[in-house]
Amino acid sequence: MNHAGAQSNLTKLAISATLHCLTGCAIGEVLGMVIGTALGWSNLSTIVLAVALAFVFGYALTIRPVLKSGLPLRAAIGVAFAADTVSIAVMEIVDNGVMLAVPGAMEAGLASWLFWGSLAFALAVAFVVTVPVNRWLISRGKGHAVVHQYHGGDHEGHHQH
């Protein structure tokens, strides 16, 4: 494969990994924001809950297919931590930073277009910022690249090192 093709494949893999990360982050982030906002919690408490849930759902979405490959739970958790921690952390920092930067977004309430529009915008910005981070990690055999050796149902012999 030529250099341009390899770069294109790396970018596609990074986009795929970031979409995977975005899915877990979005589930946790939306759930945390909804719970915190509905209960009238402070911005800090709401963000802490949203970030914690983003990590829980992000890791869970990675652990499930790794467990299907036959890896024991303890090892699958280790793979998820290695694969997703940096990606989720970057996504959450950017996402919550954007939410805090949009005037009134955190206080807008669940019935407000400002709240939902800001949250969607924040997740989109986080995705755009996280793709190059994941691309860099994958190019070095880190991040989501760690998970790919376990795809396909048989983790033996699928190592890409």
C-alpha atoms as a PDB file:
ATOM      1  CA  MET A   1       0.000   0.000   0.000  1.00  0.00           C
ATOM      2  CA  ASN A   2       1.337   3.468  -0.836  1.00  0.00           C
ATOM      3  CA  HIS A   3       1.886   6.173   1.748  1.00  0.00           C
ATOM      4  CA  ALA A   4      -1.305   8.079   0.829  1.00  0.00           C
ATOM      5  CA  GLY A   5      -3.366   4.882   1.133  1.00  0.00           C
ATOM      6  CA  ALA A   6      -1.857   4.065   4.508  1.00  0.00           C
ATOM      7  CA  GLN A   7      -2.552   7.625   5.718  1.00  0.00           C
ATOM      8  CA  SER A   8      -6.140   7.387   4.448  1.00  0.00           C
ATOM      9  CA  ASN A   9      -6.659   4.065   6.234  1.00  0.00           C
ATOM     10  CA  LEU A  10      -5.178   5.520   9.428  1.00  0.00           C
ATOM     11  CA  THR A  11      -7.553   8.477   9.214  1.00  0.00           C
ATOM     12  CA  LYS A  12     -10.545   6.176   8.598  1.00  0.00           C
ATOM     13  CA  LEU A  13      -9.549   4.062  11.603  1.00  0.00           C
ATOM     14  CA  ALA A  14      -9.207   7.201  13.739  1.00  0.00           C
ATOM     15  CA  ILE A  15     -12.650   8.417  12.647  1.00  0.00           C
ATOM     16  CA  SER A  16     -14.140   4.997  13.438  1.00  0.00           C
ATOM     17  CA  ALA A  17     -12.451   4.921  16.858  1.00  0.00           C
ATOM     18  CA  THR A  18     -13.632   8.448  17.603  1.00  0.00           C
ATOM     19  CA  LEU A  19     -17.206   7.631  16.584  1.00  0.00           C
ATOM     20  CA  HIS A  20     -17.042   4.646  18.940  1.00  0.00           C
ATOM     21  CA  CYS A  21     -15.757   6.920  21.703  1.00  0.00           C
ATOM     22  CA  LEU A  22     -18.363   9.566  20.884  1.00  0.00           C
ATOM     23  CA  THR A  23     -21.141   7.005  21.265  1.00  0.00           C
ATOM     24  CA  GLY A  24     -20.148   6.064  24.811  1.00  0.00           C
ATOM     25  CA  CYS A  25     -19.345   9.649  25.746  1.00  0.00           C
ATOM     26  CA  ALA A  26     -22.607  10.953  24.335  1.00  0.00           C
ATOM     27  CA  ILE A  27     -24.692   8.380  26.201  1.00  0.00           C
ATOM     28  CA  GLY A  28     -22.983   9.197  29.492  1.00  0.00           C
ATOM     29  CA  GLU A  29     -22.749  12.920  28.846  1.00  0.00           C
ATOM     30  CA  VAL A  30     -26.410  13.327  27.877  1.00  0.00           C
ATOM     31  CA  LEU A  31     -27.573  11.142  30.757  1.00  0.00           C
ATOM     32  CA  GLY A  32     -25.404  13.046  33.248  1.00  0.00           C
ATOM     33  CA  MET A  33     -26.454  16.454  31.921  1.00  0.00           C
ATOM     34  CA  VAL A  34     -30.126  15.458  31.974  1.00  0.00           C
ATOM     35  CA  ILE A  35     -29.960  14.063  35.519  1.00  0.00           C
ATOM     36  CA  GLY A  36     -27.932  16.982  36.903  1.00  0.00           C
ATOM     37  CA  THR A  37     -30.042  19.613  35.145  1.00  0.00           C
ATOM     38  CA  ALA A  38     -33.348  17.962  36.114  1.00  0.00           C
ATOM     39  CA  LEU A  39     -32.263  17.806  39.760  1.00  0.00           C
ATOM     40  CA  GLY A  40     -31.069  21.415  39.730  1.00  0.00           C
ATOM     41  CA  TRP A  41     -27.476  20.463  40.585  1.00  0.00           C
ATOM     42  CA  SER A  42     -24.599  22.906  40.294  1.00  0.00           C
ATOM     43  CA  ASN A  43     -22.569  22.988  37.076  1.00  0.00           C
ATOM     44  CA  LEU A  44     -19.691  21.230  38.821  1.00  0.00           C
ATOM     45  CA  SER A  45     -21.837  18.390  40.187  1.00  0.00           C
ATOM     46  CA  THR A  46     -23.577  17.952  36.835  1.00  0.00           C
ATOM     47  CA  ILE A  47     -20.274  17.844  34.946  1.00  0.00           C
ATOM     48  CA  VAL A  48     -18.718  15.387  37.401  1.00  0.00           C
ATOM     49  CA  LEU A  49     -21.694  13.050  36.943  1.00  0.00           C
ATOM     50  CA  ALA A  50     -21.660  13.468  33.146  1.00  0.00           C
ATOM     51  CA  VAL A  51     -17.918  12.761  32.922  1.00  0.00           C
ATOM     52  CA  ALA A  52     -18.154   9.739  35.215  1.00  0.00           C
ATOM     53  CA  LEU A  53     -21.021   8.297  33.156  1.00  0.00           C
ATOM     54  CA  ALA A  54     -19.175   9.045  29.900  1.00  0.00           C
ATOM     55  CA  PHE A  55     -16.231   6.955  31.113  1.00  0.00           C
ATOM     56  CA  VAL A  56     -18.526   4.156  32.330  1.00  0.00           C
ATOM     57  CA  PHE A  57     -20.418   3.923  29.033  1.00  0.00           C
ATOM     58  CA  GLY A  58     -17.289   4.449  26.938  1.00  0.00           C
ATOM     59  CA  TYR A  59     -15.452   1.624  28.688  1.00  0.00           C
ATOM     60  CA  ALA A  60     -18.543  -0.607  28.632  1.00  0.00           C
ATOM     61  CA  LEU A  61     -18.856  -0.277  24.853  1.00  0.00           C
ATOM     62  CA  THR A  62     -15.245  -1.431  24.500  1.00  0.00           C
ATOM     63  CA  ILE A  63     -15.349  -4.196  27.107  1.00  0.00           C
ATOM     64  CA  ARG A  64     -18.358  -5.970  25.581  1.00  0.00           C
ATOM     65  CA  PRO A  65     -16.782  -6.995  22.231  1.00  0.00           C
ATOM     66  CA  VAL A  66     -13.447  -7.723  23.919  1.00  0.00           C
ATOM     67  CA  LEU A  67     -15.219 -10.135  26.287  1.00  0.00           C
ATOM     68  CA  LYS A  68     -16.823 -11.786  23.243  1.00  0.00           C
ATOM     69  CA  SER A  69     -13.314 -12.499  21.934  1.00  0.00           C
ATOM     70  CA  GLY A  70     -12.810 -14.774  24.943  1.00  0.00           C
ATOM     71  CA  LEU A  71     -10.700 -12.483  27.088  1.00  0.00           C
ATOM     72  CA  PRO A  72     -11.471 -12.647  30.837  1.00  0.00           C
ATOM     73  CA  LEU A  73     -13.179  -9.630  32.430  1.00  0.00           C
ATOM     74  CA  ARG A  74     -10.075  -8.362  34.247  1.00  0.00           C
ATOM     75  CA  ALA A  75      -8.049  -8.387  31.012  1.00  0.00           C
ATOM     76  CA  ALA A  76     -10.944  -6.847  29.034  1.00  0.00           C
ATOM     77  CA  ILE A  77     -11.110  -3.982  31.537  1.00  0.00           C
ATOM     78  CA  GLY A  78      -7.371  -3.436  31.096  1.00  0.00           C
ATOM     79  CA  VAL A  79      -7.776  -3.348  27.307  1.00  0.00           C
ATOM     80  CA  ALA A  80     -10.631  -0.822  27.609  1.00  0.00           C
ATOM     81  CA  PHE A  81      -8.578   1.410  29.912  1.00  0.00           C
ATOM     82  CA  ALA A  82      -5.607   1.288  27.522  1.00  0.00           C
ATOM     83  CA  ALA A  83      -7.784   1.823  24.452  1.00  0.00           C
ATOM     84  CA  ASP A  84     -10.142   4.559  25.576  1.00  0.00           C
ATOM     85  CA  THR A  85      -8.827   6.592  28.508  1.00  0.00           C
ATOM     86  CA  VAL A  86      -7.032   9.309  26.530  1.00  0.00           C
ATOM     87  CA  SER A  87      -9.772   9.529  23.908  1.00  0.00           C
ATOM     88  CA  ILE A  88     -12.568   9.825  26.471  1.00  0.00           C
ATOM     89  CA  ALA A  89     -10.586  12.315  28.560  1.00  0.00           C
ATOM     90  CA  VAL A  90      -9.935  14.607  25.565  1.00  0.00           C
ATOM     91  CA  MET A  91     -13.534  14.323  24.437  1.00  0.00           C
ATOM     92  CA  GLU A  92     -14.857  15.157  27.904  1.00  0.00           C
ATOM     93  CA  ILE A  93     -12.527  18.111  28.457  1.00  0.00           C
ATOM     94  CA  VAL A  94     -13.519  19.646  25.124  1.00  0.00           C
ATOM     95  CA  ASP A  95     -17.215  18.783  25.413  1.00  0.00           C
ATOM     96  CA  ASN A  96     -17.623  20.209  28.904  1.00  0.00           C
ATOM     97  CA  GLY A  97     -15.428  23.196  28.114  1.00  0.00           C
ATOM     98  CA  VAL A  98     -17.727  24.081  25.223  1.00  0.00           C
ATOM     99  CA  MET A  99     -20.830  23.620  27.385  1.00  0.00           C
ATOM    100  CA  LEU A 100     -19.367  25.985  29.981  1.00  0.00           C
ATOM    101  CA  ALA A 101     -18.300  28.487  27.299  1.00  0.00           C
ATOM    102  CA  VAL A 102     -21.777  28.830  25.772  1.00  0.00           C
ATOM    103  CA  PRO A 103     -23.503  31.523  27.842  1.00  0.00           C
ATOM    104  CA  GLY A 104     -26.501  30.118  29.707  1.00  0.00           C
ATOM    105  CA  ALA A 105     -26.247  26.593  28.269  1.00  0.00           C
ATOM    106  CA  MET A 106     -25.812  24.831  31.603  1.00  0.00           C
ATOM    107  CA  GLU A 107     -28.638  26.806  33.214  1.00  0.00           C
ATOM    108  CA  ALA A 108     -31.013  26.649  30.225  1.00  0.00           C
ATOM    109  CA  GLY A 109     -33.014  23.624  31.360  1.00  0.00           C
ATOM    110  CA  LEU A 110     -34.096  20.459  29.574  1.00  0.00           C
ATOM    111  CA  ALA A 111     -36.938  22.115  27.649  1.00  0.00           C
ATOM    112  CA  SER A 112     -34.568  24.643  26.080  1.00  0.00           C
ATOM    113  CA  TRP A 113     -33.169  24.551  22.566  1.00  0.00           C
ATOM    114  CA  LEU A 114     -30.119  26.350  23.977  1.00  0.00           C
ATOM    115  CA  PHE A 115     -29.344  23.376  26.226  1.00  0.00           C
ATOM    116  CA  TRP A 116     -29.789  20.705  23.549  1.00  0.00           C
ATOM    117  CA  GLY A 117     -28.215  22.743  20.752  1.00  0.00           C
ATOM    118  CA  SER A 118     -25.206  23.536  22.929  1.00  0.00           C
ATOM    119  CA  LEU A 119     -24.828  19.900  23.935  1.00  0.00           C
ATOM    120  CA  ALA A 120     -24.987  18.719  20.311  1.00  0.00           C
ATOM    121  CA  PHE A 121     -22.496  21.425  19.288  1.00  0.00           C
ATOM    122  CA  ALA A 122     -20.193  20.518  22.189  1.00  0.00           C
ATOM    123  CA  LEU A 123     -20.172  16.837  21.194  1.00  0.00           C
ATOM    124  CA  ALA A 124     -19.486  17.756  17.546  1.00  0.00           C
ATOM    125  CA  VAL A 125     -16.541  19.979  18.520  1.00  0.00           C
ATOM    126  CA  ALA A 126     -15.219  17.245  20.832  1.00  0.00           C
ATOM    127  CA  PHE A 127     -15.393  14.750  17.943  1.00  0.00           C
ATOM    128  CA  VAL A 128     -13.433  17.047  15.607  1.00  0.00           C
ATOM    129  CA  VAL A 129     -10.745  17.682  18.235  1.00  0.00           C
ATOM    130  CA  THR A 130     -10.467  13.998  19.245  1.00  0.00           C
ATOM    131  CA  VAL A 131     -10.041  12.508  15.731  1.00  0.00           C
ATOM    132  CA  PRO A 132      -6.432  13.730  15.353  1.00  0.00           C
ATOM    133  CA  VAL A 133      -5.646  12.616  18.915  1.00  0.00           C
ATOM    134  CA  ASN A 134      -6.909   9.102  18.129  1.00  0.00           C
ATOM    135  CA  ARG A 135      -5.097   9.141  14.777  1.00  0.00           C
ATOM    136  CA  TRP A 136      -1.829   9.958  16.539  1.00  0.00           C
ATOM    137  CA  LEU A 137      -2.393   7.264  19.195  1.00  0.00           C
ATOM    138  CA  ILE A 138      -3.326   4.589  16.642  1.00  0.00           C
ATOM    139  CA  SER A 139      -0.294   5.436  14.486  1.00  0.00           C
ATOM    140  CA  ARG A 140       1.839   4.532  17.509  1.00  0.00           C
ATOM    141  CA  GLY A 141      -0.027   1.308  18.311  1.00  0.00           C
ATOM    142  CA  LYS A 142      -1.763   2.919  21.277  1.00  0.00           C
ATOM    143  CA  GLY A 143      -5.322   3.949  22.074  1.00  0.00           C
ATOM    144  CA  HIS A 144      -7.976   2.181  20.064  1.00  0.00           C
ATOM    145  CA  ALA A 145      -5.325   0.173  18.171  1.00  0.00           C
ATOM    146  CA  VAL A 146      -5.064  -1.954  21.327  1.00  0.00           C
ATOM    147  CA  VAL A 147      -8.653  -3.178  20.833  1.00  0.00           C
ATOM    148  CA  HIS A 148      -8.329  -4.252  17.209  1.00  0.00           C
ATOM    149  CA  GLN A 149      -6.243  -7.295  18.019  1.00  0.00           C
ATOM    150  CA  TYR A 150      -9.302  -8.704  19.830  1.00  0.00           C
ATOM    151  CA  HIS A 151     -11.833  -8.197  17.041  1.00  0.00           C
ATOM    152  CA  GLY A 152     -12.911 -11.211  15.071  1.00  0.00           C
ATOM    153  CA  GLY A 153     -13.783 -13.540  17.924  1.00  0.00           C
ATOM    154  CA  ASP A 154     -10.372 -15.131  18.486  1.00  0.00           C
ATOM    155  CA  HIS A 155      -7.815 -12.986  20.259  1.00  0.00           C
ATOM    156  CA  GLU A 156      -5.008 -15.450  19.603  1.00  0.00           C
ATOM    157  CA  GLY A 157      -3.099 -14.690  16.439  1.00  0.00           C
ATOM    158  CA  HIS A 158      -4.776 -11.352  15.733  1.00  0.00           C
ATOM    159  CA  HIS A 159      -2.032  -9.193  17.221  1.00  0.00           C
ATOM    160  CA  GLN A 160      -1.055  -6.249  15.041  1.00  0.00           C
ATOM    161  CA  HIS A 161       2.246  -5.452  16.767  1.00  0.00           C
END
